């Protein structure tokens, strides 16, 4: 999982091992925590409704179904 700064909001690039996508993520400090929100990134980037952090799948990563 890697984060890059875009103005005031971060973009988090997820690997397949990081799924299911949720915010806050383990790299976020405890003081900035909010209720856990699961995000659907199967059709493209998704943003957290609490903090605005955007989550996307890393290039080349494929989500595999059951």
N, C-alpha and C. Protein backbone atom coordinates (compact mmCIF):
# COMPACT_ATOMS: atom_id res chain seq x y z
N UNK A 1 0.84 -1.16 0.00
CA UNK A 1 0.00 0.00 0.00
C UNK A 1 0.89 1.23 0.00
N UNK A 2 0.66 2.15 -0.91
CA UNK A 2 1.44 3.37 -0.93
C UNK A 2 0.51 4.56 -1.03
N UNK A 3 0.91 5.66 -0.43
CA UNK A 3 0.09 6.86 -0.44
C UNK A 3 0.88 8.00 -1.05
N UNK A 4 0.21 8.80 -1.87
CA UNK A 4 0.81 9.99 -2.44
C UNK A 4 -0.08 11.17 -2.11
N UNK A 5 0.50 12.32 -1.92
CA UNK A 5 -0.25 13.50 -1.52
C UNK A 5 -0.76 14.24 -2.75
N UNK A 6 -2.06 14.55 -2.78
CA UNK A 6 -2.66 15.36 -3.83
C UNK A 6 -3.39 16.48 -3.12
N UNK A 7 -2.89 17.68 -3.21
CA UNK A 7 -3.40 18.83 -2.48
C UNK A 7 -3.60 18.46 -1.02
N UNK A 8 -4.84 18.41 -0.51
CA UNK A 8 -5.07 18.10 0.89
C UNK A 8 -5.53 16.66 1.10
N UNK A 9 -5.77 15.92 0.03
CA UNK A 9 -6.26 14.55 0.15
C UNK A 9 -5.24 13.57 -0.42
N UNK A 10 -5.24 12.38 0.14
CA UNK A 10 -4.28 11.36 -0.28
C UNK A 10 -4.92 10.40 -1.27
N UNK A 11 -4.09 9.78 -2.10
CA UNK A 11 -4.51 8.68 -2.95
C UNK A 11 -3.73 7.46 -2.51
N UNK A 12 -4.44 6.38 -2.22
CA UNK A 12 -3.81 5.15 -1.76
C UNK A 12 -3.92 4.12 -2.87
N UNK A 13 -2.79 3.59 -3.29
CA UNK A 13 -2.73 2.57 -4.33
C UNK A 13 -2.67 1.20 -3.65
N UNK A 14 -3.64 0.35 -3.92
CA UNK A 14 -3.74 -0.94 -3.25
C UNK A 14 -3.24 -2.09 -4.11
N UNK A 15 -2.65 -3.06 -3.47
CA UNK A 15 -2.25 -4.31 -4.10
C UNK A 15 -3.39 -5.31 -3.85
N UNK A 16 -3.39 -6.43 -4.54
CA UNK A 16 -4.43 -7.44 -4.36
C UNK A 16 -4.47 -7.95 -2.92
N UNK A 17 -3.33 -8.03 -2.25
CA UNK A 17 -3.28 -8.51 -0.87
C UNK A 17 -3.93 -7.54 0.11
N UNK A 18 -4.16 -6.28 -0.29
CA UNK A 18 -4.77 -5.27 0.57
C UNK A 18 -6.29 -5.30 0.54
N UNK A 19 -6.87 -6.14 -0.31
CA UNK A 19 -8.32 -6.17 -0.45
C UNK A 19 -8.94 -7.04 0.64
N UNK A 20 -10.13 -6.77 1.09
CA UNK A 20 -11.05 -5.76 0.61
C UNK A 20 -10.59 -4.36 1.04
N UNK A 21 -10.86 -3.39 0.19
CA UNK A 21 -10.45 -2.01 0.45
C UNK A 21 -11.31 -1.41 1.56
N UNK A 22 -10.64 -0.75 2.51
CA UNK A 22 -11.37 -0.08 3.57
C UNK A 22 -10.60 1.14 4.05
N UNK A 23 -11.34 2.07 4.62
CA UNK A 23 -10.76 3.29 5.17
C UNK A 23 -11.34 3.45 6.57
N UNK A 24 -10.58 3.82 7.58
CA UNK A 24 -9.17 4.15 7.50
C UNK A 24 -8.32 2.91 7.25
N UNK A 25 -7.17 3.13 6.62
CA UNK A 25 -6.28 2.01 6.32
C UNK A 25 -5.23 1.88 7.43
N UNK A 26 -4.54 0.76 7.50
CA UNK A 26 -3.58 0.53 8.59
C UNK A 26 -2.45 1.56 8.67
N UNK A 27 -2.15 2.27 7.59
CA UNK A 27 -1.07 3.26 7.60
C UNK A 27 -1.50 4.59 8.21
N UNK A 28 -2.80 4.80 8.42
CA UNK A 28 -3.28 6.07 8.95
C UNK A 28 -3.05 6.13 10.46
N UNK A 29 -2.69 7.33 10.97
CA UNK A 29 -2.48 7.45 12.42
C UNK A 29 -3.80 7.29 13.18
N UNK A 30 -3.72 6.78 14.38
CA UNK A 30 -4.90 6.52 15.20
C UNK A 30 -5.71 7.79 15.45
N UNK A 31 -5.06 8.93 15.61
CA UNK A 31 -5.77 10.17 15.92
C UNK A 31 -6.70 10.61 14.79
N UNK A 32 -6.44 10.17 13.57
CA UNK A 32 -7.27 10.59 12.44
C UNK A 32 -8.31 9.54 12.07
N UNK A 33 -8.55 8.62 12.99
CA UNK A 33 -9.45 7.51 12.72
C UNK A 33 -10.92 7.95 12.64
N UNK A 34 -11.68 7.20 11.88
CA UNK A 34 -13.13 7.38 11.75
C UNK A 34 -13.74 6.00 11.59
N UNK A 35 -15.06 5.85 11.60
CA UNK A 35 -15.65 4.52 11.42
C UNK A 35 -15.16 3.86 10.13
N UNK A 36 -14.97 2.54 10.16
CA UNK A 36 -14.47 1.82 8.99
C UNK A 36 -15.52 1.82 7.88
N UNK A 37 -15.06 2.14 6.67
CA UNK A 37 -15.90 2.16 5.48
C UNK A 37 -15.26 1.23 4.46
N UNK A 38 -16.03 0.28 3.93
CA UNK A 38 -15.51 -0.60 2.87
C UNK A 38 -15.81 0.04 1.53
N UNK A 39 -14.85 -0.03 0.62
CA UNK A 39 -14.94 0.65 -0.67
C UNK A 39 -14.87 -0.34 -1.82
N UNK A 40 -15.70 -0.13 -2.83
CA UNK A 40 -15.70 -0.97 -4.02
C UNK A 40 -14.80 -0.32 -5.07
N UNK A 41 -13.63 -0.90 -5.30
CA UNK A 41 -12.70 -0.36 -6.29
C UNK A 41 -12.65 -1.24 -7.54
N UNK A 42 -13.61 -2.14 -7.69
CA UNK A 42 -13.61 -3.06 -8.82
C UNK A 42 -13.88 -2.36 -10.15
N UNK A 43 -14.48 -1.18 -10.13
CA UNK A 43 -14.79 -0.46 -11.36
C UNK A 43 -14.04 0.85 -11.48
N UNK A 44 -13.02 1.03 -10.65
CA UNK A 44 -12.23 2.25 -10.69
C UNK A 44 -12.03 2.80 -9.29
N UNK A 45 -11.39 3.98 -9.19
CA UNK A 45 -11.10 4.58 -7.90
C UNK A 45 -12.37 4.85 -7.09
N UNK A 46 -12.24 4.81 -5.76
CA UNK A 46 -13.35 5.13 -4.86
C UNK A 46 -12.81 6.02 -3.75
N UNK A 47 -13.65 6.94 -3.27
CA UNK A 47 -13.25 7.87 -2.22
C UNK A 47 -14.02 7.60 -0.93
N UNK A 48 -13.33 7.80 0.18
CA UNK A 48 -13.94 7.65 1.49
C UNK A 48 -14.89 8.82 1.74
N UNK A 49 -16.09 8.52 2.21
CA UNK A 49 -17.07 9.58 2.46
C UNK A 49 -16.75 10.38 3.72
N UNK A 50 -15.88 9.87 4.59
CA UNK A 50 -15.50 10.59 5.81
C UNK A 50 -14.33 11.54 5.59
N UNK A 51 -13.24 11.03 5.02
CA UNK A 51 -12.01 11.83 4.94
C UNK A 51 -11.61 12.22 3.52
N UNK A 52 -12.25 11.64 2.51
CA UNK A 52 -11.94 11.99 1.13
C UNK A 52 -10.74 11.27 0.53
N UNK A 53 -10.10 10.38 1.28
CA UNK A 53 -8.98 9.62 0.74
C UNK A 53 -9.48 8.77 -0.43
N UNK A 54 -8.74 8.79 -1.52
CA UNK A 54 -9.11 8.03 -2.70
C UNK A 54 -8.30 6.75 -2.75
N UNK A 55 -8.97 5.65 -3.05
CA UNK A 55 -8.33 4.34 -3.15
C UNK A 55 -8.45 3.85 -4.58
N UNK A 56 -7.36 3.29 -5.08
CA UNK A 56 -7.33 2.76 -6.44
C UNK A 56 -6.49 1.49 -6.47
N UNK A 57 -6.72 0.66 -7.43
CA UNK A 57 -5.95 -0.57 -7.59
C UNK A 57 -4.66 -0.24 -8.35
N UNK A 58 -3.56 -0.78 -7.88
CA UNK A 58 -2.26 -0.53 -8.53
C UNK A 58 -2.28 -1.04 -9.96
N UNK A 59 -1.55 -0.39 -10.86
CA UNK A 59 -1.49 -0.85 -12.24
C UNK A 59 -1.05 -2.31 -12.33
N UNK A 60 -1.73 -3.08 -13.15
CA UNK A 60 -1.38 -4.47 -13.34
C UNK A 60 -2.06 -5.42 -12.38
N UNK A 61 -2.68 -4.88 -11.31
CA UNK A 61 -3.36 -5.73 -10.34
C UNK A 61 -4.73 -6.12 -10.88
N UNK A 62 -5.12 -7.36 -10.60
CA UNK A 62 -6.40 -7.88 -11.06
C UNK A 62 -7.17 -8.39 -9.85
N UNK A 63 -8.44 -8.01 -9.74
CA UNK A 63 -9.30 -8.52 -8.68
C UNK A 63 -9.87 -9.83 -9.15
N UNK A 64 -9.61 -10.89 -8.39
CA UNK A 64 -10.10 -12.22 -8.77
C UNK A 64 -11.32 -12.56 -7.92
N UNK A 65 -12.35 -13.10 -8.57
CA UNK A 65 -13.56 -13.50 -7.86
C UNK A 65 -13.40 -14.85 -7.22
N UNK A 66 -14.42 -15.30 -6.55
CA UNK A 66 -14.38 -16.59 -5.88
C UNK A 66 -14.53 -17.70 -6.88
